[in-house]
N, C-alpha and C. Protein backbone atom coordinates (compact mmCIF):
# COMPACT_ATOMS: atom_id res chain seq x y z
N MET A 1 100.53 73.52 93.32
CA MET A 1 101.48 72.95 94.73
C MET A 1 101.20 72.18 95.49
N ASP A 2 102.20 72.36 96.20
CA ASP A 2 102.20 70.79 97.12
C ASP A 2 101.72 71.30 98.88
N PHE A 3 100.58 71.86 98.95
CA PHE A 3 100.32 72.30 100.24
C PHE A 3 100.77 71.62 101.81
N VAL A 4 100.88 70.17 101.16
CA VAL A 4 100.78 69.50 102.47
C VAL A 4 102.79 69.24 102.77
N ILE A 5 103.52 69.66 101.82
CA ILE A 5 104.99 69.77 102.08
C ILE A 5 104.93 71.01 103.22
N TYR A 6 104.52 72.14 102.83
CA TYR A 6 104.89 73.18 104.15
C TYR A 6 104.07 73.28 105.06
N ILE A 7 103.22 72.29 105.33
CA ILE A 7 102.84 72.10 106.54
C ILE A 7 103.22 71.24 107.40
N VAL A 8 103.75 69.51 106.87
CA VAL A 8 104.42 68.69 107.40
C VAL A 8 105.72 69.52 108.04
N GLY A 9 106.40 70.08 106.91
CA GLY A 9 107.92 70.83 107.33
C GLY A 9 107.90 71.58 108.74
N ARG A 10 106.71 72.34 108.92
CA ARG A 10 106.50 73.35 109.51
C ARG A 10 106.10 72.53 111.28
N ILE A 11 105.37 71.38 111.13
CA ILE A 11 105.57 70.57 112.38
C ILE A 11 106.87 69.76 113.02
N ILE A 12 107.43 69.43 111.98
CA ILE A 12 108.79 68.97 111.95
C ILE A 12 109.63 70.14 112.47
N GLU A 13 109.47 70.98 111.95
CA GLU A 13 109.94 72.45 112.72
C GLU A 13 109.80 72.80 114.10
N GLU A 14 108.55 72.28 114.80
CA GLU A 14 108.40 72.79 115.58
C GLU A 14 108.02 71.77 116.77
N TYR A 15 108.31 70.51 116.41
CA TYR A 15 108.52 69.33 117.13
C TYR A 15 109.83 69.41 117.35
N ARG A 16 110.58 68.56 116.77
CA ARG A 16 112.14 68.48 116.74
C ARG A 16 113.25 70.01 117.55
N ASP A 17 112.91 71.35 117.12
CA ASP A 17 113.71 72.53 117.02
C ASP A 17 113.26 72.86 118.46
N ASN A 18 111.89 73.10 118.76
CA ASN A 18 111.04 73.80 119.88
C ASN A 18 110.69 72.89 120.98
N LYS A 19 110.96 71.73 120.82
CA LYS A 19 110.87 70.42 121.60
C LYS A 19 109.42 70.77 121.92
N ARG A 20 108.30 70.91 120.95
CA ARG A 20 107.13 71.13 121.48
C ARG A 20 106.24 69.70 121.42
N GLU A 21 105.11 69.27 122.39
CA GLU A 21 104.84 67.91 122.22
C GLU A 21 103.53 67.90 120.56
N LEU A 22 103.61 67.11 119.99
CA LEU A 22 103.34 66.83 118.74
C LEU A 22 102.09 67.44 118.73
N ASN A 23 100.81 67.34 119.25
CA ASN A 23 99.98 68.23 119.52
C ASN A 23 99.61 69.53 119.01
N ASP A 24 100.67 70.03 119.90
CA ASP A 24 100.68 71.74 119.64
C ASP A 24 101.60 71.78 118.63
N SER A 25 102.71 71.42 118.47
CA SER A 25 103.04 71.82 117.17
C SER A 25 102.01 71.70 115.98
N ILE A 26 101.37 70.68 115.72
CA ILE A 26 100.62 70.75 114.65
C ILE A 26 99.72 72.02 114.65
N ALA A 27 99.38 72.44 116.03
CA ALA A 27 98.36 72.93 116.15
C ALA A 27 99.14 74.59 115.78
N ILE A 28 100.48 74.91 116.22
CA ILE A 28 101.24 76.15 115.68
C ILE A 28 101.19 75.83 114.37
N ALA A 29 101.78 75.33 113.75
CA ALA A 29 101.81 74.72 111.89
C ALA A 29 100.66 75.16 111.48
N LEU A 30 99.86 74.92 111.80
CA LEU A 30 98.16 75.84 111.21
C LEU A 30 98.11 76.68 111.67
N GLY A 31 98.32 77.33 112.59
CA GLY A 31 98.22 78.69 112.67
C GLY A 31 99.07 79.77 111.91
N THR A 32 100.17 79.20 111.65
CA THR A 32 101.64 79.86 110.70
C THR A 32 101.14 79.57 108.99
N SER A 33 102.14 78.22 108.90
CA SER A 33 101.83 77.57 107.55
C SER A 33 100.70 77.33 106.92
N GLY A 34 99.46 77.22 107.70
CA GLY A 34 97.72 76.41 107.82
C GLY A 34 97.66 77.87 107.31
N LYS A 35 97.97 79.14 107.23
CA LYS A 35 97.17 80.51 107.18
C LYS A 35 98.01 81.44 105.78
N ALA A 36 98.99 80.28 105.63
CA ALA A 36 99.52 80.77 104.07
C ALA A 36 99.03 80.30 103.32
N VAL A 37 98.78 78.41 103.49
CA VAL A 37 98.17 77.78 102.40
C VAL A 37 96.99 78.27 101.77
N LEU A 38 96.06 78.58 103.22
CA LEU A 38 94.75 79.58 102.79
C LEU A 38 94.32 80.40 101.85
N TYR A 39 95.87 81.54 102.00
CA TYR A 39 96.19 82.63 101.82
C TYR A 39 96.33 82.45 99.85
N ILE A 40 97.03 81.61 100.03
CA ILE A 40 97.68 81.45 98.63
C ILE A 40 96.50 80.66 97.74
N GLY A 41 95.69 79.23 98.26
CA GLY A 41 95.06 78.44 97.66
C GLY A 41 93.85 79.04 97.55
N LEU A 42 93.56 80.37 98.30
CA LEU A 42 91.93 81.02 97.67
C LEU A 42 92.38 81.69 96.73
N THR A 43 93.63 82.46 96.66
CA THR A 43 93.79 83.17 95.44
C THR A 43 93.80 83.01 94.08
N LEU A 44 94.69 81.40 94.24
CA LEU A 44 94.90 80.56 92.90
C LEU A 44 93.24 80.39 92.49
N ILE A 45 92.46 80.40 93.49
CA ILE A 45 91.21 79.45 93.03
C ILE A 45 90.52 80.72 92.53
N VAL A 46 90.35 81.85 93.05
CA VAL A 46 90.09 83.28 92.90
C VAL A 46 90.65 83.74 90.78
N SER A 47 91.39 83.48 91.06
CA SER A 47 92.00 83.49 89.65
C SER A 47 91.67 82.25 88.45
N LEU A 48 91.78 81.30 88.94
CA LEU A 48 91.05 80.03 88.10
C LEU A 48 89.43 80.39 87.88
N ALA A 49 88.91 80.73 88.76
CA ALA A 49 87.73 81.07 88.32
C ALA A 49 87.13 81.88 86.86
N PHE A 50 88.14 83.41 86.81
CA PHE A 50 88.27 83.74 85.49
C PHE A 50 88.97 82.87 84.42
N TRP A 51 90.03 82.90 85.18
CA TRP A 51 89.60 81.27 83.68
C TRP A 51 88.53 80.33 83.11
N ALA A 52 87.79 79.71 84.53
CA ALA A 52 86.57 79.34 84.47
C ALA A 52 85.42 79.85 83.12
N MET A 53 85.60 80.97 83.04
CA MET A 53 84.43 81.86 82.55
C MET A 53 84.88 82.26 81.01
N SER A 54 85.83 81.97 80.56
CA SER A 54 86.23 81.52 79.06
C SER A 54 84.89 81.41 78.39
N LYS A 55 84.91 81.94 77.28
CA LYS A 55 84.01 81.66 76.06
C LYS A 55 84.11 80.21 75.47
N LEU A 56 85.81 79.33 75.77
CA LEU A 56 86.04 78.41 74.97
C LEU A 56 85.63 77.45 75.82
N MET A 57 84.63 76.41 75.69
CA MET A 57 84.25 75.02 76.16
C MET A 57 86.15 74.56 76.71
N PHE A 58 86.58 74.26 76.20
CA PHE A 58 87.80 73.50 77.04
C PHE A 58 88.89 74.29 77.74
N GLN A 59 88.68 75.80 77.80
CA GLN A 59 89.06 76.66 78.86
C GLN A 59 88.78 76.38 79.87
N ALA A 60 87.14 76.76 80.01
CA ALA A 60 86.70 76.54 80.81
C ALA A 60 86.58 75.66 81.97
N LEU A 61 86.44 74.57 81.41
CA LEU A 61 86.31 73.53 81.60
C LEU A 61 87.88 72.91 82.87
N MET A 62 88.90 73.40 82.02
CA MET A 62 90.32 73.09 82.55
C MET A 62 89.97 73.97 84.05
N GLY A 63 89.75 75.08 84.08
CA GLY A 63 89.58 76.22 85.08
C GLY A 63 88.79 75.45 86.23
N LEU A 64 87.44 75.17 86.04
CA LEU A 64 86.93 74.62 86.36
C LEU A 64 87.53 73.53 87.74
N LEU A 65 88.17 72.46 86.50
CA LEU A 65 88.82 71.55 87.01
C LEU A 65 89.74 71.66 87.85
N LEU A 66 90.34 72.51 87.53
CA LEU A 66 91.84 72.89 87.84
C LEU A 66 91.65 73.54 89.40
N ALA A 67 90.71 74.27 89.54
CA ALA A 67 89.78 74.77 91.09
C ALA A 67 89.73 73.62 91.67
N ILE A 68 89.11 72.90 91.20
CA ILE A 68 88.34 71.89 92.31
C ILE A 68 89.06 70.93 92.32
N VAL A 69 90.56 70.55 91.65
CA VAL A 69 91.60 69.87 92.35
C VAL A 69 92.07 71.07 93.49
N LEU A 70 92.66 71.93 93.11
CA LEU A 70 92.83 72.66 94.30
C LEU A 70 92.54 72.94 95.42
N ILE A 71 91.27 73.05 95.74
CA ILE A 71 90.46 73.27 96.62
C ILE A 71 90.65 71.88 97.20
N ILE A 72 90.71 70.75 96.81
CA ILE A 72 90.56 69.26 97.03
C ILE A 72 91.90 69.14 98.24
N ASN A 73 93.55 69.62 97.32
CA ASN A 73 94.74 69.61 97.52
C ASN A 73 94.72 70.32 98.87
N MET A 74 94.21 71.68 98.87
CA MET A 74 93.98 72.49 100.04
C MET A 74 93.14 72.04 101.16
N ILE A 75 92.26 71.19 101.61
CA ILE A 75 91.36 70.87 102.43
C ILE A 75 92.31 69.62 102.54
N GLY A 76 92.57 68.70 101.97
CA GLY A 76 93.58 67.61 102.82
C GLY A 76 94.87 67.64 103.56
N ALA A 77 95.81 69.35 102.88
CA ALA A 77 96.96 69.85 103.69
C ALA A 77 96.25 70.40 104.30
N LEU A 78 94.93 70.91 105.21
CA LEU A 78 94.72 71.49 106.29
C LEU A 78 94.15 70.84 107.28
N PHE A 79 93.30 69.54 106.51
CA PHE A 79 92.54 69.16 107.88
C PHE A 79 93.23 67.45 107.79
N ILE A 80 92.87 66.74 106.64
CA ILE A 80 93.16 65.53 106.72
C ILE A 80 94.76 64.76 107.05
N VAL A 81 95.34 65.65 106.74
CA VAL A 81 96.69 65.01 106.44
C VAL A 81 97.41 65.30 108.29
N PRO A 82 97.53 66.93 108.70
CA PRO A 82 97.48 66.86 110.44
C PRO A 82 96.64 66.07 111.28
N SER A 83 95.46 65.62 111.07
CA SER A 83 94.65 64.81 111.52
C SER A 83 95.25 63.12 111.65
N PHE A 84 95.86 62.54 110.45
CA PHE A 84 96.48 61.67 110.04
C PHE A 84 97.68 61.23 111.00
N ILE A 85 98.94 62.54 110.93
CA ILE A 85 99.78 62.54 111.92
C ILE A 85 99.49 62.70 113.40
N ALA A 86 98.54 63.16 113.99
CA ALA A 86 98.32 62.87 115.30
C ALA A 86 97.95 61.78 115.57
N LEU A 87 96.94 60.83 114.80
CA LEU A 87 96.63 60.12 114.98
C LEU A 87 97.77 58.97 114.79
N PHE A 88 98.36 58.89 114.23
CA PHE A 88 99.82 57.62 113.56
C PHE A 88 101.03 58.13 114.14
N LYS A 89 100.76 59.25 114.31
CA LYS A 89 102.48 60.09 114.88
C LYS A 89 103.31 59.39 113.97
N PRO A 90 103.70 59.23 112.68
CA PRO A 90 104.35 58.88 111.75
C PRO A 90 106.35 59.05 112.15
N LYS A 91 107.35 58.18 112.30
CA LYS A 91 108.24 57.86 112.88
C LYS A 91 109.11 59.12 112.07
N PHE A 92 109.55 59.87 111.14
CA PHE A 92 109.65 60.35 110.37
C PHE A 92 109.93 61.82 111.06
N ILE A 93 108.13 61.72 111.33
CA ILE A 93 108.29 63.29 112.26
C ILE A 93 108.63 62.56 114.05
N THR A 94 108.37 62.01 114.59
CA THR A 94 108.60 61.72 116.20
C THR A 94 110.04 61.44 116.26
N SER A 95 110.74 60.51 115.39
CA SER A 95 112.04 60.26 115.56
C SER A 95 113.20 61.37 115.61
N LYS A 96 114.46 61.62 116.11
CA LYS A 96 115.80 62.25 115.50
C LYS A 96 115.40 63.76 116.90
N ARG A 97 114.77 63.59 118.14
CA ARG A 97 114.49 64.24 118.89
C ARG A 97 115.63 64.90 119.59
């Protein structure tokens, strides 16, 4: 799952359709889609914790590594990408208003 698509799509929707400022659009997007990303991510991580408790070494390691990748992806989508959007104001978001 790529959580960034949900967040960026929502930022674009708020910025273009509702004519809000970029920082307000980011805050609203994180309040709506950000909650969904958090809930989905935590649900998947909890389910992977059970896979990580497998008696088979390979299965346990893959469950653990997949959970780590999912945590990094979730943190990036919720904190890093919105920060970069606010800082750099990319044209694919701010154009066509």
